[in-house]
């Protein structure tokens, strides 16, 4: 019984072609804006960490981490968050 559960788990972790499933991460980085467009300097360590995690297949067995970002445009995101938290409630 345990062998069947294990094999079902292993089969579920991989797609039909034997490749790991993609686990997508999404972040907001300030790439443009007038205050501090430092998202490009934040992106480098994130990519390095993803490379390290993906280099050890036993760490997240059956998964491959990927990362995409949205430009938070520094001040614009803060203003929209303020509206949602304090004005619209």
PDB file of N, CA and C in Angstrom:
ATOM      1  N   UNK A   1       0.819  -1.193   0.000  1.00  0.00           N
ATOM      2  CA  UNK A   1       0.000   0.000   0.000  1.00  0.00           C
ATOM      3  C   UNK A   1       0.865   1.259   0.000  1.00  0.00           C
ATOM      4  N   UNK A   2       1.895   1.287   0.846  1.00  0.00           N
ATOM      5  CA  UNK A   2       2.782   2.447   0.895  1.00  0.00           C
ATOM      6  C   UNK A   2       3.516   2.657  -0.420  1.00  0.00           C
ATOM      7  N   UNK A   3       3.883   1.561  -1.057  1.00  0.00           N
ATOM      8  CA  UNK A   3       4.569   1.674  -2.345  1.00  0.00           C
ATOM      9  C   UNK A   3       3.654   2.304  -3.377  1.00  0.00           C
ATOM     10  N   UNK A   4       2.381   1.953  -3.371  1.00  0.00           N
ATOM     11  CA  UNK A   4       1.419   2.523  -4.323  1.00  0.00           C
ATOM     12  C   UNK A   4       1.238   4.012  -4.077  1.00  0.00           C
ATOM     13  N   UNK A   5       1.175   4.420  -2.798  1.00  0.00           N
ATOM     14  CA  UNK A   5       1.034   5.835  -2.485  1.00  0.00           C
ATOM     15  C   UNK A   5       2.272   6.597  -2.925  1.00  0.00           C
ATOM     16  N   UNK A   6       3.446   6.027  -2.661  1.00  0.00           N
ATOM     17  CA  UNK A   6       4.690   6.666  -3.065  1.00  0.00           C
ATOM     18  C   UNK A   6       4.772   6.819  -4.574  1.00  0.00           C
ATOM     19  N   UNK A   7       4.445   5.765  -5.301  1.00  0.00           N
ATOM     20  CA  UNK A   7       4.505   5.830  -6.760  1.00  0.00           C
ATOM     21  C   UNK A   7       3.485   6.819  -7.320  1.00  0.00           C
ATOM     22  N   UNK A   8       2.315   6.904  -6.695  1.00  0.00           N
ATOM     23  CA  UNK A   8       1.321   7.878  -7.140  1.00  0.00           C
ATOM     24  C   UNK A   8       1.816   9.295  -6.896  1.00  0.00           C
ATOM     25  N   UNK A   9       2.490   9.501  -5.781  1.00  0.00           N
ATOM     26  CA  UNK A   9       3.044  10.828  -5.489  1.00  0.00           C
ATOM     27  C   UNK A   9       4.137  11.186  -6.493  1.00  0.00           C
ATOM     28  N   UNK A  10       5.036  10.262  -6.762  1.00  0.00           N
ATOM     29  CA  UNK A  10       6.116  10.515  -7.722  1.00  0.00           C
ATOM     30  C   UNK A  10       5.544  10.763  -9.108  1.00  0.00           C
ATOM     31  N   UNK A  11       4.569   9.993  -9.509  1.00  0.00           N
ATOM     32  CA  UNK A  11       3.958  10.181 -10.825  1.00  0.00           C
ATOM     33  C   UNK A  11       3.236  11.512 -10.900  1.00  0.00           C
ATOM     34  N   UNK A  12       2.634  11.951  -9.797  1.00  0.00           N
ATOM     35  CA  UNK A  12       1.928  13.221  -9.785  1.00  0.00           C
ATOM     36  C   UNK A  12       2.845  14.418  -9.823  1.00  0.00           C
ATOM     37  N   UNK A  13       4.087  14.259  -9.391  1.00  0.00           N
ATOM     38  CA  UNK A  13       5.033  15.376  -9.365  1.00  0.00           C
ATOM     39  C   UNK A  13       5.599  15.675 -10.744  1.00  0.00           C
ATOM     40  N   UNK A  14       5.567  14.732 -11.616  1.00  0.00           N
ATOM     41  CA  UNK A  14       6.141  14.933 -12.935  1.00  0.00           C
ATOM     42  C   UNK A  14       5.067  14.917 -14.003  1.00  0.00           C
ATOM     43  N   UNK A  15       5.290  15.712 -15.013  1.00  0.00           N
ATOM     44  CA  UNK A  15       4.376  15.706 -16.157  1.00  0.00           C
ATOM     45  C   UNK A  15       4.554  14.394 -16.917  1.00  0.00           C
ATOM     46  N   UNK A  16       3.719  14.186 -17.900  1.00  0.00           N
ATOM     47  CA  UNK A  16       3.768  12.937 -18.658  1.00  0.00           C
ATOM     48  C   UNK A  16       5.097  12.739 -19.374  1.00  0.00           C
ATOM     49  N   UNK A  17       5.781  13.817 -19.719  1.00  0.00           N
ATOM     50  CA  UNK A  17       7.045  13.679 -20.428  1.00  0.00           C
ATOM     51  C   UNK A  17       8.233  13.543 -19.479  1.00  0.00           C
ATOM     52  N   UNK A  18       8.004  13.470 -18.169  1.00  0.00           N
ATOM     53  CA  UNK A  18       9.080  13.261 -17.214  1.00  0.00           C
ATOM     54  C   UNK A  18       9.750  14.526 -16.724  1.00  0.00           C
ATOM     55  N   UNK A  19       9.283  15.679 -17.153  1.00  0.00           N
ATOM     56  CA  UNK A  19       9.883  16.939 -16.717  1.00  0.00           C
ATOM     57  C   UNK A  19       9.216  17.408 -15.429  1.00  0.00           C
ATOM     58  N   UNK A  20       9.961  18.152 -14.587  1.00  0.00           N
ATOM     59  CA  UNK A  20       9.346  18.660 -13.353  1.00  0.00           C
ATOM     60  C   UNK A  20       8.264  19.697 -13.640  1.00  0.00           C
ATOM     61  N   UNK A  21       7.324  19.819 -12.704  1.00  0.00           N
ATOM     62  CA  UNK A  21       6.284  20.836 -12.821  1.00  0.00           C
ATOM     63  C   UNK A  21       6.892  22.203 -12.540  1.00  0.00           C
ATOM     64  N   UNK A  22       6.335  23.208 -13.170  1.00  0.00           N
ATOM     65  CA  UNK A  22       6.807  24.571 -12.976  1.00  0.00           C
ATOM     66  C   UNK A  22       6.039  25.213 -11.824  1.00  0.00           C
ATOM     67  N   UNK A  23       6.772  25.730 -10.863  1.00  0.00           N
ATOM     68  CA  UNK A  23       6.184  26.437  -9.735  1.00  0.00           C
ATOM     69  C   UNK A  23       6.540  27.909  -9.909  1.00  0.00           C
ATOM     70  N   UNK A  24       5.536  28.712 -10.214  1.00  0.00           N
ATOM     71  CA  UNK A  24       5.775  30.109 -10.560  1.00  0.00           C
ATOM     72  C   UNK A  24       5.636  31.017  -9.341  1.00  0.00           C
ATOM     73  N   UNK A  25       6.583  31.923  -9.206  1.00  0.00           N
ATOM     74  CA  UNK A  25       6.535  32.950  -8.177  1.00  0.00           C
ATOM     75  C   UNK A  25       6.369  34.293  -8.859  1.00  0.00           C
ATOM     76  N   UNK A  26       5.567  35.165  -8.260  1.00  0.00           N
ATOM     77  CA  UNK A  26       5.329  36.486  -8.824  1.00  0.00           C
ATOM     78  C   UNK A  26       5.669  37.528  -7.769  1.00  0.00           C
ATOM     79  N   UNK A  27       6.436  38.521  -8.156  1.00  0.00           N
ATOM     80  CA  UNK A  27       6.809  39.579  -7.228  1.00  0.00           C
ATOM     81  C   UNK A  27       6.592  40.942  -7.844  1.00  0.00           C
ATOM     82  N   UNK A  28       6.584  41.943  -6.987  1.00  0.00           N
ATOM     83  CA  UNK A  28       6.458  43.326  -7.443  1.00  0.00           C
ATOM     84  C   UNK A  28       7.767  44.041  -7.132  1.00  0.00           C
ATOM     85  N   UNK A  29       8.429  44.526  -8.158  1.00  0.00           N
ATOM     86  CA  UNK A  29       9.695  45.221  -7.996  1.00  0.00           C
ATOM     87  C   UNK A  29       9.595  46.620  -8.592  1.00  0.00           C
ATOM     88  N   UNK A  30      10.178  47.619  -7.925  1.00  0.00           N
ATOM     89  CA  UNK A  30      10.125  48.992  -8.445  1.00  0.00           C
ATOM     90  C   UNK A  30      11.171  49.206  -9.544  1.00  0.00           C
ATOM     91  N   UNK A  31      10.821  48.929 -10.771  1.00  0.00           N
ATOM     92  CA  UNK A  31      11.753  49.075 -11.895  1.00  0.00           C
ATOM     93  C   UNK A  31      11.774  50.498 -12.445  1.00  0.00           C
ATOM     94  N   UNK A  32      10.654  51.180 -12.396  1.00  0.00           N
ATOM     95  CA  UNK A  32      10.588  52.560 -12.884  1.00  0.00           C
ATOM     96  C   UNK A  32      10.003  53.435 -11.787  1.00  0.00           C
ATOM     97  N   UNK A  33      10.136  54.712 -11.945  1.00  0.00           N
ATOM     98  CA  UNK A  33       9.576  55.638 -10.970  1.00  0.00           C
ATOM     99  C   UNK A  33      10.583  56.725 -10.629  1.00  0.00           C
ATOM    100  N   UNK A  34      10.127  57.677  -9.847  1.00  0.00           N
ATOM    101  CA  UNK A  34      10.992  58.813  -9.535  1.00  0.00           C
ATOM    102  C   UNK A  34      11.656  58.695  -8.173  1.00  0.00           C
ATOM    103  N   UNK A  35      11.121  57.865  -7.275  1.00  0.00           N
ATOM    104  CA  UNK A  35      11.652  57.793  -5.927  1.00  0.00           C
ATOM    105  C   UNK A  35      12.861  56.873  -5.826  1.00  0.00           C
ATOM    106  N   UNK A  36      12.671  55.599  -6.018  1.00  0.00           N
ATOM    107  CA  UNK A  36      13.762  54.619  -5.942  1.00  0.00           C
ATOM    108  C   UNK A  36      13.491  53.472  -6.908  1.00  0.00           C
ATOM    109  N   UNK A  37      13.949  53.590  -8.142  1.00  0.00           N
ATOM    110  CA  UNK A  37      13.752  52.492  -9.092  1.00  0.00           C
ATOM    111  C   UNK A  37      14.853  51.434  -8.933  1.00  0.00           C
ATOM    112  N   UNK A  38      14.916  50.795  -7.789  1.00  0.00           N
ATOM    113  CA  UNK A  38      15.988  49.845  -7.498  1.00  0.00           C
ATOM    114  C   UNK A  38      15.608  48.402  -7.672  1.00  0.00           C
ATOM    115  N   UNK A  39      14.562  48.142  -8.411  1.00  0.00           N
ATOM    116  CA  UNK A  39      14.120  46.764  -8.612  1.00  0.00           C
ATOM    117  C   UNK A  39      15.135  45.912  -9.340  1.00  0.00           C
ATOM    118  N   UNK A  40      15.918  46.516 -10.211  1.00  0.00           N
ATOM    119  CA  UNK A  40      16.917  45.730 -10.944  1.00  0.00           C
ATOM    120  C   UNK A  40      17.999  45.208 -10.006  1.00  0.00           C
ATOM    121  N   UNK A  41      18.322  45.974  -8.947  1.00  0.00           N
ATOM    122  CA  UNK A  41      19.306  45.487  -7.982  1.00  0.00           C
ATOM    123  C   UNK A  41      18.698  44.428  -7.065  1.00  0.00           C
ATOM    124  N   UNK A  42      17.400  44.418  -6.894  1.00  0.00           N
ATOM    125  CA  UNK A  42      16.727  43.379  -6.097  1.00  0.00           C
ATOM    126  C   UNK A  42      16.518  42.105  -6.904  1.00  0.00           C
ATOM    127  N   UNK A  43      16.435  42.238  -8.212  1.00  0.00           N
ATOM    128  CA  UNK A  43      16.158  41.088  -9.072  1.00  0.00           C
ATOM    129  C   UNK A  43      17.331  40.107  -9.107  1.00  0.00           C
ATOM    130  N   UNK A  44      18.546  40.622  -9.051  1.00  0.00           N
ATOM    131  CA  UNK A  44      19.737  39.771  -9.145  1.00  0.00           C
ATOM    132  C   UNK A  44      19.795  38.739  -8.011  1.00  0.00           C
ATOM    133  N   UNK A  45      19.649  39.125  -6.724  1.00  0.00           N
ATOM    134  CA  UNK A  45      19.686  38.095  -5.677  1.00  0.00           C
ATOM    135  C   UNK A  45      18.532  37.104  -5.748  1.00  0.00           C
ATOM    136  N   UNK A  46      17.373  37.543  -6.225  1.00  0.00           N
ATOM    137  CA  UNK A  46      16.242  36.626  -6.381  1.00  0.00           C
ATOM    138  C   UNK A  46      16.580  35.564  -7.417  1.00  0.00           C
ATOM    139  N   UNK A  47      17.156  35.978  -8.533  1.00  0.00           N
ATOM    140  CA  UNK A  47      17.533  35.024  -9.575  1.00  0.00           C
ATOM    141  C   UNK A  47      18.630  34.077  -9.090  1.00  0.00           C
ATOM    142  N   UNK A  48      19.578  34.592  -8.313  1.00  0.00           N
ATOM    143  CA  UNK A  48      20.638  33.738  -7.763  1.00  0.00           C
ATOM    144  C   UNK A  48      20.064  32.693  -6.809  1.00  0.00           C
ATOM    145  N   UNK A  49      19.097  33.109  -5.983  1.00  0.00           N
ATOM    146  CA  UNK A  49      18.470  32.169  -5.049  1.00  0.00           C
ATOM    147  C   UNK A  49      17.696  31.084  -5.801  1.00  0.00           C
ATOM    148  N   UNK A  50      16.996  31.481  -6.857  1.00  0.00           N
ATOM    149  CA  UNK A  50      16.252  30.490  -7.649  1.00  0.00           C
ATOM    150  C   UNK A  50      17.197  29.488  -8.296  1.00  0.00           C
ATOM    151  N   UNK A  51      18.327  29.968  -8.787  1.00  0.00           N
ATOM    152  CA  UNK A  51      19.310  29.059  -9.381  1.00  0.00           C
ATOM    153  C   UNK A  51      19.828  28.065  -8.341  1.00  0.00           C
ATOM    154  N   UNK A  52      20.078  28.554  -7.124  1.00  0.00           N
ATOM    155  CA  UNK A  52      20.557  27.664  -6.070  1.00  0.00           C
ATOM    156  C   UNK A  52      19.519  26.622  -5.684  1.00  0.00           C
ATOM    157  N   UNK A  53      18.269  27.037  -5.552  1.00  0.00           N
ATOM    158  CA  UNK A  53      17.205  26.099  -5.190  1.00  0.00           C
ATOM    159  C   UNK A  53      17.003  25.071  -6.298  1.00  0.00           C
ATOM    160  N   UNK A  54      16.988  25.511  -7.540  1.00  0.00           N
ATOM    161  CA  UNK A  54      16.779  24.584  -8.658  1.00  0.00           C
ATOM    162  C   UNK A  54      17.987  23.682  -8.901  1.00  0.00           C
ATOM    163  N   UNK A  55      19.160  24.053  -8.375  1.00  0.00           N
ATOM    164  CA  UNK A  55      20.360  23.227  -8.555  1.00  0.00           C
ATOM    165  C   UNK A  55      20.304  21.954  -7.710  1.00  0.00           C
ATOM    166  N   UNK A  56      19.481  21.953  -6.658  1.00  0.00           N
ATOM    167  CA  UNK A  56      19.341  20.786  -5.794  1.00  0.00           C
ATOM    168  C   UNK A  56      17.973  20.156  -6.039  1.00  0.00           C
ATOM    169  N   UNK A  57      17.903  19.140  -6.897  1.00  0.00           N
ATOM    170  CA  UNK A  57      16.602  18.569  -7.246  1.00  0.00           C
ATOM    171  C   UNK A  57      15.891  17.900  -6.066  1.00  0.00           C
ATOM    172  N   UNK A  58      16.609  17.498  -5.041  1.00  0.00           N
ATOM    173  CA  UNK A  58      15.974  16.876  -3.891  1.00  0.00           C
ATOM    174  C   UNK A  58      15.315  17.868  -2.957  1.00  0.00           C
ATOM    175  N   UNK A  59      15.614  19.151  -3.119  1.00  0.00           N
ATOM    176  CA  UNK A  59      15.062  20.165  -2.237  1.00  0.00           C
ATOM    177  C   UNK A  59      13.571  20.370  -2.481  1.00  0.00           C
ATOM    178  N   UNK A  60      13.188  20.593  -3.701  1.00  0.00           N
ATOM    179  CA  UNK A  60      11.778  20.674  -4.097  1.00  0.00           C
ATOM    180  C   UNK A  60      11.551  19.623  -5.171  1.00  0.00           C
ATOM    181  N   UNK A  61      11.490  18.390  -4.736  1.00  0.00           N
ATOM    182  CA  UNK A  61      11.429  17.265  -5.652  1.00  0.00           C
ATOM    183  C   UNK A  61      10.224  17.372  -6.586  1.00  0.00           C
ATOM    184  N   UNK A  62      10.491  17.328  -7.875  1.00  0.00           N
ATOM    185  CA  UNK A  62       9.425  17.346  -8.871  1.00  0.00           C
ATOM    186  C   UNK A  62       8.982  18.727  -9.300  1.00  0.00           C
ATOM    187  N   UNK A  63       9.653  19.766  -8.798  1.00  0.00           N
ATOM    188  CA  UNK A  63       9.261  21.130  -9.131  1.00  0.00           C
ATOM    189  C   UNK A  63      10.458  21.935  -9.608  1.00  0.00           C
ATOM    190  N   UNK A  64      10.185  22.910 -10.445  1.00  0.00           N
ATOM    191  CA  UNK A  64      11.190  23.858 -10.916  1.00  0.00           C
ATOM    192  C   UNK A  64      10.648  25.260 -10.645  1.00  0.00           C
ATOM    193  N   UNK A  65      11.363  26.038  -9.832  1.00  0.00           N
ATOM    194  CA  UNK A  65      10.918  27.382  -9.495  1.00  0.00           C
ATOM    195  C   UNK A  65      11.227  28.358 -10.618  1.00  0.00           C
ATOM    196  N   UNK A  66      10.273  29.206 -10.936  1.00  0.00           N
ATOM    197  CA  UNK A  66      10.492  30.309 -11.869  1.00  0.00           C
ATOM    198  C   UNK A  66       9.991  31.586 -11.199  1.00  0.00           C
ATOM    199  N   UNK A  67      10.440  32.726 -11.682  1.00  0.00           N
ATOM    200  CA  UNK A  67      10.088  34.002 -11.072  1.00  0.00           C
ATOM    201  C   UNK A  67       9.778  35.014 -12.158  1.00  0.00           C
ATOM    202  N   UNK A  68       8.693  35.702 -11.975  1.00  0.00           N
ATOM    203  CA  UNK A  68       8.334  36.821 -12.842  1.00  0.00           C
ATOM    204  C   UNK A  68       8.005  37.996 -11.948  1.00  0.00           C
ATOM    205  N   UNK A  69       8.159  39.199 -12.473  1.00  0.00           N
ATOM    206  CA  UNK A  69       7.887  40.373 -11.652  1.00  0.00           C
ATOM    207  C   UNK A  69       6.987  41.349 -12.387  1.00  0.00           C
ATOM    208  N   UNK A  70       6.335  42.172 -11.583  1.00  0.00           N
ATOM    209  CA  UNK A  70       5.514  43.264 -12.081  1.00  0.00           C
ATOM    210  C   UNK A  70       6.187  44.545 -11.643  1.00  0.00           C
ATOM    211  N   UNK A  71       6.267  45.517 -12.504  1.00  0.00           N
ATOM    212  CA  UNK A  71       6.844  46.804 -12.161  1.00  0.00           C
ATOM    213  C   UNK A  71       5.872  47.544 -11.252  1.00  0.00           C
ATOM    214  N   UNK A  72       6.289  47.787 -10.010  1.00  0.00           N
ATOM    215  CA  UNK A  72       5.401  48.443  -9.052  1.00  0.00           C
ATOM    216  C   UNK A  72       5.419  49.962  -9.178  1.00  0.00           C
ATOM    217  N   UNK A  73       6.270  50.510 -10.017  1.00  0.00           N
ATOM    218  CA  UNK A  73       6.330  51.950 -10.306  1.00  0.00           C
ATOM    219  C   UNK A  73       6.402  52.786  -9.029  1.00  0.00           C
ATOM    220  N   UNK A  74       7.175  52.365  -8.088  1.00  0.00           N
ATOM    221  CA  UNK A  74       7.470  52.991  -6.800  1.00  0.00           C
ATOM    222  C   UNK A  74       6.287  53.705  -6.158  1.00  0.00           C
ATOM    223  N   UNK A  75       6.026  54.934  -6.440  1.00  0.00           N
ATOM    224  CA  UNK A  75       5.006  55.699  -5.752  1.00  0.00           C
ATOM    225  C   UNK A  75       3.593  55.307  -6.120  1.00  0.00           C
ATOM    226  N   UNK A  76       3.366  54.862  -7.316  1.00  0.00           N
ATOM    227  CA  UNK A  76       2.022  54.522  -7.779  1.00  0.00           C
ATOM    228  C   UNK A  76       1.429  53.380  -6.970  1.00  0.00           C
ATOM    229  N   UNK A  77       2.210  52.345  -6.727  1.00  0.00           N
ATOM    230  CA  UNK A  77       1.706  51.201  -5.967  1.00  0.00           C
ATOM    231  C   UNK A  77       1.370  51.612  -4.538  1.00  0.00           C
ATOM    232  N   UNK A  78       2.189  52.422  -3.926  1.00  0.00           N
ATOM    233  CA  UNK A  78       1.920  52.875  -2.559  1.00  0.00           C
ATOM    234  C   UNK A  78       0.625  53.671  -2.497  1.00  0.00           C
ATOM    235  N   UNK A  79       0.394  54.509  -3.470  1.00  0.00           N
ATOM    236  CA  UNK A  79      -0.826  55.315  -3.509  1.00  0.00           C
ATOM    237  C   UNK A  79      -2.066  54.431  -3.663  1.00  0.00           C
ATOM    238  N   UNK A  80      -2.012  53.467  -4.549  1.00  0.00           N
ATOM    239  CA  UNK A  80      -3.146  52.563  -4.757  1.00  0.00           C
ATOM    240  C   UNK A  80      -3.400  51.735  -3.495  1.00  0.00           C
ATOM    241  N   UNK A  81      -2.338  51.265  -2.842  1.00  0.00           N
ATOM    242  CA  UNK A  81      -2.495  50.510  -1.611  1.00  0.00           C
ATOM    243  C   UNK A  81      -3.126  51.390  -0.519  1.00  0.00           C
ATOM    244  N   UNK A  82      -2.728  52.637  -0.425  1.00  0.00           N
ATOM    245  CA  UNK A  82      -3.314  53.566   0.525  1.00  0.00           C
ATOM    246  C   UNK A  82      -4.817  53.737   0.269  1.00  0.00           C
ATOM    247  N   UNK A  83      -5.189  53.882  -1.004  1.00  0.00           N
ATOM    248  CA  UNK A  83      -6.599  54.018  -1.341  1.00  0.00           C
ATOM    249  C   UNK A  83      -7.415  52.808  -0.894  1.00  0.00           C
ATOM    250  N   UNK A  84      -6.894  51.635  -1.176  1.00  0.00           N
ATOM    251  CA  UNK A  84      -7.614  50.410  -0.811  1.00  0.00           C
ATOM    252  C   UNK A  84      -7.722  50.251   0.694  1.00  0.00           C
ATOM    253  N   UNK A  85      -6.665  50.571   1.426  1.00  0.00           N
ATOM    254  CA  UNK A  85      -6.662  50.331   2.864  1.00  0.00           C
ATOM    255  C   UNK A  85      -7.438  51.363   3.661  1.00  0.00           C
ATOM    256  N   UNK A  86      -7.340  52.635   3.283  1.00  0.00           N
ATOM    257  CA  UNK A  86      -7.875  53.670   4.149  1.00  0.00           C
ATOM    258  C   UNK A  86      -9.059  54.445   3.564  1.00  0.00           C
ATOM    259  N   UNK A  87      -9.108  54.652   2.282  1.00  0.00           N
ATOM    260  CA  UNK A  87     -10.154  55.470   1.685  1.00  0.00           C
ATOM    261  C   UNK A  87     -11.372  54.613   1.327  1.00  0.00           C
ATOM    262  N   UNK A  88     -11.134  53.447   0.737  1.00  0.00           N
ATOM    263  CA  UNK A  88     -12.245  52.628   0.247  1.00  0.00           C
ATOM    264  C   UNK A  88     -12.924  51.809   1.342  1.00  0.00           C
ATOM    265  N   UNK A  89     -12.333  51.715   2.516  1.00  0.00           N
ATOM    266  CA  UNK A  89     -12.924  50.842   3.544  1.00  0.00           C
ATOM    267  C   UNK A  89     -13.945  51.558   4.397  1.00  0.00           C
TER     268      UNK A  89
END
